[in-house]
Amino acid sequence: MTGNCETATPRVAARSGGGSAFVLTRGVVMLFAVACGTAVANVYFAQPLLATVGHDLAMSPALVGSVVTFTHIGYGLGLFFLVPLGDMVDRRRLIVAQLLLLMVALAAVAVAHDAAFLLVGMAVMGLLAVVTQTLVAFAASLAPPTERGRVVGLVTSGVVIGILLARTASGLMADLAGWRSVYLTSAALTALLALVLHRVLPRHGEAPPAGLRYGQLLRSTVTLFARERLLRLRALLGLLIFAAFSTLWSSIALPLSEAPYSLSHTAIGALGLVGAAGALAATVAGRLNDRGLSRWTTGIALALLAASWLPLAFTRSSLWALVVGVILLDLAVQAVHVTNQTLIHARRPDAGSRLIGGYMVFYSIGSATGALAATSLYAAFGWGAVCVLGAAISCLALALWALTQSRHARDL
């Protein structure tokens, strides 16, 4: 892939409903990024609020822990059952409809007065938060091939920031106005974004596949995995890098809340500000992909991912080592993630939503597996075991990439 990716403003003409040309400006790309970050943040808001929510609704510790589980179950279901609809219906209408329904779900969570209502609301909220991936697929489809990597990188930077800053924002807002204010504020912002996106985005530039029904759409998602070797490999890499990512972020609060640091929840949440450096990797990786350097971007990033666990192993004795490790890990994960999405969308642009939705299912599996394994290992063997796990997963991803770099697989 070649092309000049130094153009100041990415743009491409798409046909809107009235037949006029739509220009994908940098401002519109930033709007995509903001919308993605806002939507995906809803999945992570609850993590620092669990104790407060449990006390308010008289929930047992085990039941409170299921709040996160229900949210991720909903998100996983949405990736498979909702995201592929972007290849079948008008994406602008789909995005706006999902955002409006997400607003309702957020409002329901905010007014929940018992555990059952809250858990159902969280599951529905997770289901609808996958609008993030519909937005990524839409942005990729609007971008010209020579600038698709940069556009995907910029939009993904919004996702990175949303994920990493969600915990910090929800903790601060809960301290100021209670946990319900987090979801009420998000509901209002989601409604505003729905209105803006309805006015700004074009209608689907391409006609949906002729005669493709919903059941066929879902089956074709599975078929794509059977046919596309690149998709299988990139999905497996996605599973591994997000297992490593989740290994760190699901367990890092444990050593930081203990001696010698004994940091507050707010201070621990602020670590997300350091991790937000990964947003820089998303944009840089996008540019490198536009220059045809996706193979080496992947290899170098996976090597950095493996190396990041060395400074992370010294977390208990040095916060600076932790900061260095967090930056390296987040830079690496986001670089590979952007490369994955850019390559799989380029392979079958007509099936972009199905490809990205299917790929993100593996992301969810990796995230859930890493979180469960890390917390279990920490309880049994401590922080050193967590770092060994993260390093092993990262080295496995690097070895997988290395094994595929044959003469016939260099585009993988």
Protein backbone atom coordinates (compact mmCIF):
# COMPACT_ATOMS: atom_id res chain seq x y z
CA MET A 1 0.00 0.00 0.00
CA THR A 2 1.42 3.36 -0.96
CA GLY A 3 0.23 6.91 -0.90
CA ASN A 4 0.93 10.30 0.55
CA CYS A 5 -0.28 10.28 4.13
CA GLU A 6 1.04 13.74 4.93
CA THR A 7 -1.99 15.51 3.51
CA ALA A 8 -3.29 18.02 6.03
CA THR A 9 -6.93 17.00 5.71
CA PRO A 10 -8.14 13.50 4.86
CA ARG A 11 -11.11 13.69 2.52
CA VAL A 12 -13.15 11.46 0.30
CA ALA A 13 -16.35 11.99 -1.64
CA ALA A 14 -19.28 9.79 -0.64
CA ARG A 15 -22.81 9.93 -1.91
CA SER A 16 -25.31 11.29 0.57
CA GLY A 17 -29.03 10.84 0.36
CA GLY A 18 -29.46 13.97 -1.72
CA GLY A 19 -26.75 13.00 -4.19
CA SER A 20 -24.24 15.62 -3.02
CA ALA A 21 -20.62 14.78 -2.28
CA PHE A 22 -19.62 14.24 1.33
CA VAL A 23 -16.14 15.37 2.38
CA LEU A 24 -14.45 13.49 5.23
CA THR A 25 -12.57 16.36 6.86
CA ARG A 26 -10.29 16.11 9.86
CA GLY A 27 -13.05 17.68 11.96
CA VAL A 28 -15.46 14.87 11.01
CA VAL A 29 -12.79 12.28 11.82
CA MET A 30 -12.37 13.91 15.25
CA LEU A 31 -16.15 13.73 15.71
CA PHE A 32 -15.96 10.00 15.00
CA ALA A 33 -13.19 9.72 17.61
CA VAL A 34 -15.17 11.62 20.26
CA ALA A 35 -18.26 9.54 19.64
CA CYS A 36 -16.27 6.30 19.85
CA GLY A 37 -14.56 7.33 23.08
CA THR A 38 -17.83 8.42 24.67
CA ALA A 39 -19.63 5.21 23.75
CA VAL A 40 -16.93 2.78 24.83
CA ALA A 41 -16.31 4.63 28.11
CA ASN A 42 -19.73 3.45 29.31
CA VAL A 43 -18.40 -0.10 29.48
CA TYR A 44 -15.69 0.92 31.99
CA PHE A 45 -17.41 3.56 34.13
CA ALA A 46 -18.55 1.06 36.76
CA GLN A 47 -15.15 -0.36 37.72
CA PRO A 48 -14.20 2.27 40.33
CA LEU A 49 -17.84 2.62 41.46
CA LEU A 50 -18.60 -0.96 42.46
CA ALA A 51 -18.24 -0.48 46.21
CA THR A 52 -20.43 2.62 46.21
CA VAL A 53 -23.08 1.05 43.95
CA GLY A 54 -23.14 -2.12 46.07
CA HIS A 55 -23.64 -0.14 49.28
CA ASP A 56 -26.36 2.04 47.73
CA LEU A 57 -28.36 -0.92 46.36
CA ALA A 58 -27.55 -3.35 49.22
CA MET A 59 -25.79 -5.80 46.91
CA SER A 60 -23.48 -8.54 48.13
CA PRO A 61 -19.80 -8.40 47.04
CA ALA A 62 -20.30 -11.34 44.66
CA LEU A 63 -23.35 -9.69 43.09
CA VAL A 64 -21.56 -6.36 42.75
CA GLY A 65 -18.77 -8.08 40.83
CA SER A 66 -21.31 -9.35 38.31
CA VAL A 67 -22.01 -5.75 37.24
CA VAL A 68 -18.86 -5.75 35.11
CA THR A 69 -19.57 -9.28 33.90
CA PHE A 70 -23.07 -8.40 32.70
CA THR A 71 -21.75 -5.33 30.91
CA HIS A 72 -19.12 -7.32 29.02
CA ILE A 73 -21.57 -10.10 28.18
CA GLY A 74 -23.85 -7.50 26.61
CA TYR A 75 -20.91 -6.00 24.72
CA GLY A 76 -19.83 -9.39 23.39
CA LEU A 77 -23.35 -10.17 22.18
CA GLY A 78 -23.57 -6.78 20.50
CA LEU A 79 -20.33 -7.36 18.60
CA PHE A 80 -21.80 -10.43 16.93
CA PHE A 81 -25.48 -9.53 16.62
CA LEU A 82 -25.48 -5.73 16.07
CA VAL A 83 -22.19 -4.61 14.48
CA PRO A 84 -22.67 -6.70 11.29
CA LEU A 85 -25.87 -4.73 10.60
CA GLY A 86 -23.60 -1.96 9.30
CA ASP A 87 -23.13 -4.04 6.14
CA MET A 88 -26.89 -4.39 5.68
CA VAL A 89 -28.60 -1.12 6.57
CA ASP A 90 -27.92 2.61 6.38
CA ARG A 91 -25.06 3.17 8.84
CA ARG A 92 -26.05 6.70 9.78
CA ARG A 93 -29.52 5.57 10.86
CA LEU A 94 -28.07 2.55 12.64
CA ILE A 95 -25.59 4.70 14.57
CA VAL A 96 -28.17 7.30 15.56
CA ALA A 97 -30.70 4.64 16.58
CA GLN A 98 -28.12 2.82 18.72
CA LEU A 99 -27.04 6.06 20.39
CA LEU A 100 -30.62 6.99 21.24
CA LEU A 101 -31.30 3.54 22.68
CA LEU A 102 -27.99 3.73 24.55
CA MET A 103 -29.16 7.02 26.06
CA VAL A 104 -32.30 5.28 27.36
CA ALA A 105 -30.23 2.42 28.82
CA LEU A 106 -27.90 4.87 30.56
CA ALA A 107 -30.84 6.74 32.04
CA ALA A 108 -32.29 3.44 33.26
CA VAL A 109 -29.01 2.55 34.98
CA ALA A 110 -28.93 5.99 36.60
CA VAL A 111 -32.37 5.52 38.20
CA ALA A 112 -31.98 1.83 39.12
CA HIS A 113 -33.20 1.08 42.64
CA ASP A 114 -32.56 -2.66 42.87
CA ALA A 115 -29.91 -5.10 41.71
CA ALA A 116 -32.00 -6.84 39.04
CA PHE A 117 -32.91 -3.59 37.30
CA LEU A 118 -29.30 -2.43 37.43
CA LEU A 119 -27.88 -5.66 35.97
CA VAL A 120 -30.38 -5.70 33.10
CA GLY A 121 -29.61 -2.04 32.40
CA MET A 122 -25.87 -2.73 32.40
CA ALA A 123 -26.26 -5.64 29.98
CA VAL A 124 -28.37 -3.57 27.58
CA MET A 125 -25.93 -0.68 27.89
CA GLY A 126 -23.04 -2.99 26.98
CA LEU A 127 -25.04 -4.39 24.05
CA LEU A 128 -25.58 -0.92 22.60
CA ALA A 129 -22.10 0.44 23.35
CA VAL A 130 -20.84 -1.57 20.36
CA VAL A 131 -21.91 1.42 18.29
CA THR A 132 -18.21 2.22 18.74
CA GLN A 133 -17.28 -0.51 16.27
CA THR A 134 -19.97 0.56 13.80
CA LEU A 135 -18.43 4.03 13.88
CA VAL A 136 -14.93 2.62 13.26
CA ALA A 137 -16.17 0.59 10.28
CA PHE A 138 -18.04 3.61 8.88
CA ALA A 139 -15.01 5.86 9.17
CA ALA A 140 -12.84 3.25 7.46
CA SER A 141 -15.33 2.91 4.61
CA LEU A 142 -15.41 6.68 4.03
CA ALA A 143 -11.62 7.03 3.95
CA PRO A 144 -9.67 6.67 0.68
CA PRO A 145 -7.38 3.60 0.65
CA THR A 146 -4.24 5.74 0.79
CA GLU A 147 -5.39 7.40 4.02
CA ARG A 148 -7.47 4.65 5.61
CA GLY A 149 -4.77 3.73 8.14
CA ARG A 150 -4.49 7.29 9.41
CA VAL A 151 -8.25 7.69 9.68
CA VAL A 152 -8.62 4.40 11.55
CA GLY A 153 -5.70 5.44 13.78
CA LEU A 154 -7.27 8.78 14.64
CA VAL A 155 -10.65 7.22 15.38
CA THR A 156 -9.06 4.45 17.43
CA SER A 157 -7.21 7.07 19.47
CA GLY A 158 -10.62 8.21 20.65
CA VAL A 159 -11.41 4.64 21.72
CA VAL A 160 -8.11 4.41 23.62
CA ILE A 161 -8.70 7.66 25.47
CA GLY A 162 -12.30 6.69 26.26
CA ILE A 163 -11.25 3.36 27.76
CA LEU A 164 -8.36 4.68 29.80
CA LEU A 165 -9.97 7.87 31.10
CA ALA A 166 -13.38 6.35 31.86
CA ARG A 167 -12.29 5.16 35.30
CA THR A 168 -10.73 8.50 36.20
CA ALA A 169 -13.75 10.50 35.04
CA SER A 170 -16.32 8.29 36.76
CA GLY A 171 -14.38 8.31 40.02
CA LEU A 172 -14.13 12.10 40.08
CA MET A 173 -17.78 12.62 39.12
CA ALA A 174 -18.95 10.12 41.72
CA ASP A 175 -16.96 11.96 44.40
CA LEU A 176 -18.59 15.24 43.38
CA ALA A 177 -22.22 14.25 42.72
CA GLY A 178 -22.73 10.52 43.35
CA TRP A 179 -22.44 7.50 41.08
CA ARG A 180 -25.78 8.13 39.36
CA SER A 181 -24.49 11.43 37.98
CA VAL A 182 -21.95 9.51 35.89
CA TYR A 183 -24.67 7.78 33.88
CA LEU A 184 -27.00 10.76 33.72
CA THR A 185 -24.21 12.92 32.31
CA SER A 186 -23.26 10.23 29.81
CA ALA A 187 -26.90 9.90 28.74
CA ALA A 188 -27.10 13.63 28.02
CA LEU A 189 -23.82 13.60 26.09
CA THR A 190 -24.94 10.55 24.10
CA ALA A 191 -28.17 12.31 23.10
CA LEU A 192 -26.17 15.34 21.95
CA LEU A 193 -23.85 13.15 19.88
CA ALA A 194 -26.82 11.41 18.26
CA LEU A 195 -28.17 14.78 17.15
CA VAL A 196 -24.82 16.00 15.81
CA LEU A 197 -24.02 12.75 13.99
CA HIS A 198 -27.50 12.70 12.42
CA ARG A 199 -26.81 16.12 10.93
CA VAL A 200 -23.18 15.53 9.91
CA LEU A 201 -22.86 11.96 8.67
CA PRO A 202 -23.81 10.89 5.16
CA ARG A 203 -26.11 8.03 4.39
CA HIS A 204 -24.53 4.72 3.52
CA GLY A 205 -22.45 5.35 0.41
CA GLU A 206 -22.86 1.80 -0.88
CA ALA A 207 -25.97 -0.27 -1.43
CA PRO A 208 -26.30 -3.23 0.94
CA PRO A 209 -25.61 -6.66 -0.57
CA ALA A 210 -28.55 -7.77 -2.69
CA GLY A 211 -30.91 -10.20 -0.95
CA LEU A 212 -28.77 -10.45 2.22
CA ARG A 213 -31.02 -11.18 5.17
CA TYR A 214 -30.13 -10.93 8.83
CA GLY A 215 -29.58 -14.65 9.33
CA GLN A 216 -27.39 -14.80 6.24
CA LEU A 217 -25.49 -11.78 7.50
CA LEU A 218 -24.60 -13.52 10.75
CA ARG A 219 -23.65 -16.75 9.00
CA SER A 220 -21.46 -14.83 6.58
CA THR A 221 -19.50 -13.43 9.53
CA VAL A 222 -18.52 -16.97 10.47
CA THR A 223 -17.86 -17.83 6.81
CA LEU A 224 -15.46 -14.88 6.49
CA PHE A 225 -13.31 -16.36 9.25
CA ALA A 226 -13.22 -19.69 7.43
CA ARG A 227 -12.15 -18.07 4.16
CA GLU A 228 -9.82 -15.26 5.20
CA ARG A 229 -6.50 -16.40 6.68
CA LEU A 230 -5.50 -12.81 7.40
CA LEU A 231 -8.66 -12.32 9.48
CA ARG A 232 -7.97 -15.46 11.51
CA LEU A 233 -4.39 -14.45 12.24
CA ARG A 234 -5.19 -10.84 13.07
CA ALA A 235 -8.09 -11.90 15.30
CA LEU A 236 -5.77 -14.26 17.18
CA LEU A 237 -3.20 -11.48 17.57
CA GLY A 238 -6.00 -9.24 18.82
CA LEU A 239 -6.98 -11.83 21.41
CA LEU A 240 -3.39 -12.11 22.67
CA ILE A 241 -2.57 -8.40 22.82
CA PHE A 242 -5.78 -7.58 24.68
CA ALA A 243 -5.22 -10.49 27.05
CA ALA A 244 -1.87 -8.86 27.87
CA PHE A 245 -3.52 -5.42 28.10
CA SER A 246 -6.20 -6.73 30.46
CA THR A 247 -3.61 -8.63 32.51
CA LEU A 248 -2.08 -5.29 33.45
CA TRP A 249 -5.12 -3.04 33.77
CA SER A 250 -7.36 -5.48 35.64
CA SER A 251 -4.78 -6.12 38.35
CA ILE A 252 -2.58 -3.02 38.68
CA ALA A 253 -4.81 -1.50 41.35
CA LEU A 254 -4.02 -4.40 43.67
CA PRO A 255 -0.29 -3.74 44.30
CA LEU A 256 -0.80 0.04 44.18
CA SER A 257 -3.46 -0.04 46.89
CA GLU A 258 -1.14 -1.98 49.22
CA ALA A 259 2.05 -1.00 51.02
CA PRO A 260 4.39 0.69 50.28
CA TYR A 261 2.17 2.91 48.11
CA SER A 262 -1.37 2.58 49.54
CA LEU A 263 -2.66 4.90 46.83
CA SER A 264 -6.24 6.16 46.79
CA HIS A 265 -8.74 5.10 44.12
CA THR A 266 -8.45 8.54 42.53
CA ALA A 267 -4.66 8.31 42.35
CA ILE A 268 -4.81 4.83 40.86
CA GLY A 269 -7.39 5.97 38.33
CA ALA A 270 -5.08 8.80 37.29
CA LEU A 271 -2.70 6.15 35.94
CA GLY A 272 -5.06 6.07 32.97
CA LEU A 273 -3.67 9.48 32.02
CA VAL A 274 -0.29 7.83 31.53
CA GLY A 275 -1.83 5.00 29.53
CA ALA A 276 -3.51 7.51 27.23
CA ALA A 277 -0.12 7.83 25.54
CA GLY A 278 -1.30 4.80 23.58
CA ALA A 279 -3.45 7.18 21.58
CA LEU A 280 -0.25 8.52 20.00
CA ALA A 281 0.66 5.03 18.83
CA ALA A 282 -2.73 4.68 17.16
CA THR A 283 -2.16 7.68 14.91
CA VAL A 284 1.49 6.82 14.15
CA ALA A 285 0.62 3.21 13.36
CA GLY A 286 -2.09 4.40 11.00
CA ARG A 287 0.40 6.51 9.07
CA LEU A 288 2.87 3.61 8.87
CA ASN A 289 0.15 1.33 7.52
CA ASP A 290 -0.62 3.85 4.79
CA ARG A 291 3.04 3.59 3.77
CA GLY A 292 2.85 -0.18 3.45
CA LEU A 293 4.78 -0.88 6.66
CA SER A 294 2.11 -2.88 8.47
CA ARG A 295 4.25 -6.02 8.77
CA TRP A 296 7.14 -4.30 10.51
CA THR A 297 4.83 -2.09 12.57
CA THR A 298 3.32 -5.28 13.97
CA GLY A 299 6.66 -6.95 14.67
CA ILE A 300 8.26 -3.96 16.38
CA ALA A 301 5.14 -3.28 18.44
CA LEU A 302 4.93 -6.91 19.61
CA ALA A 303 8.60 -6.79 20.61
CA LEU A 304 7.89 -3.65 22.67
CA LEU A 305 4.90 -5.38 24.24
CA ALA A 306 7.08 -8.25 25.41
CA ALA A 307 9.78 -5.84 26.64
CA SER A 308 7.26 -3.74 28.61
CA TRP A 309 6.89 -6.44 31.26
CA LEU A 310 10.50 -6.01 32.39
CA PRO A 311 9.97 -2.53 33.91
CA LEU A 312 6.47 -3.55 35.03
CA ALA A 313 8.06 -6.30 37.12
CA PHE A 314 9.66 -3.57 39.27
CA THR A 315 6.33 -1.88 40.06
CA ARG A 316 6.56 -2.56 43.81
CA SER A 317 9.89 -0.77 44.09
CA SER A 318 9.57 2.03 41.53
CA LEU A 319 6.61 4.02 40.25
CA TRP A 320 8.82 5.30 37.44
CA ALA A 321 9.34 1.73 36.25
CA LEU A 322 5.57 1.31 36.28
CA VAL A 323 5.09 4.46 34.20
CA VAL A 324 7.66 3.33 31.61
CA GLY A 325 6.07 -0.11 31.40
CA VAL A 326 2.54 1.28 31.04
CA ILE A 327 3.60 3.61 28.23
CA LEU A 328 5.42 0.84 26.33
CA LEU A 329 2.56 -1.62 26.75
CA ASP A 330 -0.16 0.80 25.66
CA LEU A 331 1.86 2.07 22.69
CA ALA A 332 2.43 -1.50 21.53
CA VAL A 333 -1.15 -2.71 21.98
CA GLN A 334 -2.69 0.23 20.15
CA ALA A 335 -0.18 0.04 17.28
CA VAL A 336 -1.06 -3.62 16.64
CA HIS A 337 -4.77 -2.97 17.13
CA VAL A 338 -4.87 -0.20 14.52
CA THR A 339 -2.81 -2.30 12.10
CA ASN A 340 -5.19 -5.23 12.57
CA GLN A 341 -8.30 -3.18 11.84
CA THR A 342 -6.77 -1.41 8.85
CA LEU A 343 -5.63 -4.65 7.22
CA ILE A 344 -8.82 -6.63 7.72
CA HIS A 345 -11.02 -3.80 6.45
CA ALA A 346 -8.83 -3.37 3.37
CA ARG A 347 -9.15 -7.09 2.58
CA ARG A 348 -12.97 -6.92 2.24
CA PRO A 349 -14.29 -3.32 2.37
CA ASP A 350 -17.77 -4.55 1.42
CA ALA A 351 -17.89 -6.55 4.67
CA GLY A 352 -16.19 -4.02 6.93
CA SER A 353 -18.72 -4.14 9.76
CA ARG A 354 -18.77 -7.94 9.86
CA LEU A 355 -14.98 -8.13 9.79
CA ILE A 356 -14.48 -5.60 12.59
CA GLY A 357 -17.35 -7.02 14.65
CA GLY A 358 -15.95 -10.54 14.35
CA TYR A 359 -12.43 -9.34 15.15
CA MET A 360 -13.64 -7.52 18.25
CA VAL A 361 -15.27 -10.70 19.57
CA PHE A 362 -11.72 -12.02 19.97
CA TYR A 363 -10.78 -8.75 21.67
CA SER A 364 -13.52 -9.40 24.25
CA ILE A 365 -12.40 -12.98 24.79
CA GLY A 366 -8.82 -11.86 25.31
CA SER A 367 -9.82 -9.08 27.70
CA ALA A 368 -12.00 -11.36 29.81
CA THR A 369 -9.40 -14.14 29.90
CA GLY A 370 -6.58 -11.80 30.87
CA ALA A 371 -8.60 -10.21 33.67
CA LEU A 372 -9.67 -13.53 35.17
CA ALA A 373 -6.20 -15.07 34.98
CA ALA A 374 -4.41 -11.98 36.34
CA THR A 375 -6.59 -11.50 39.40
CA SER A 376 -6.48 -15.22 40.20
CA LEU A 377 -2.68 -15.35 39.87
CA TYR A 378 -2.23 -12.24 42.00
CA ALA A 379 -4.33 -13.71 44.80
CA ALA A 380 -2.32 -16.95 44.72
CA PHE A 381 1.23 -15.90 43.87
CA GLY A 382 1.52 -12.09 43.80
CA TRP A 383 2.57 -9.43 41.30
CA GLY A 384 5.56 -11.35 39.95
CA ALA A 385 3.29 -14.12 38.66
CA VAL A 386 1.09 -11.55 36.93
CA CYS A 387 4.13 -10.15 35.10
CA VAL A 388 5.24 -13.62 34.07
CA LEU A 389 1.78 -14.24 32.64
CA GLY A 390 1.78 -10.95 30.74
CA ALA A 391 5.26 -11.58 29.36
CA ALA A 392 4.32 -15.11 28.29
CA ILE A 393 1.22 -13.92 26.44
CA SER A 394 3.21 -11.14 24.76
CA CYS A 395 6.01 -13.49 23.69
CA LEU A 396 3.43 -15.91 22.31
CA ALA A 397 1.99 -13.11 20.16
CA LEU A 398 5.48 -12.19 18.92
CA ALA A 399 6.25 -15.84 18.12
CA LEU A 400 2.97 -16.18 16.21
CA TRP A 401 3.82 -13.13 14.10
CA ALA A 402 7.34 -14.42 13.44
CA LEU A 403 6.08 -17.83 12.32
CA THR A 404 3.77 -16.26 9.73
CA GLN A 405 6.47 -14.17 8.06
CA SER A 406 7.11 -16.60 5.22
CA ARG A 407 7.39 -15.65 1.61
CA HIS A 408 3.69 -16.36 1.08
CA ALA A 409 2.42 -14.57 4.20
CA ARG A 410 4.10 -11.20 4.32
CA ASP A 411 0.81 -9.34 4.11
CA LEU A 412 -0.26 -10.89 7.42
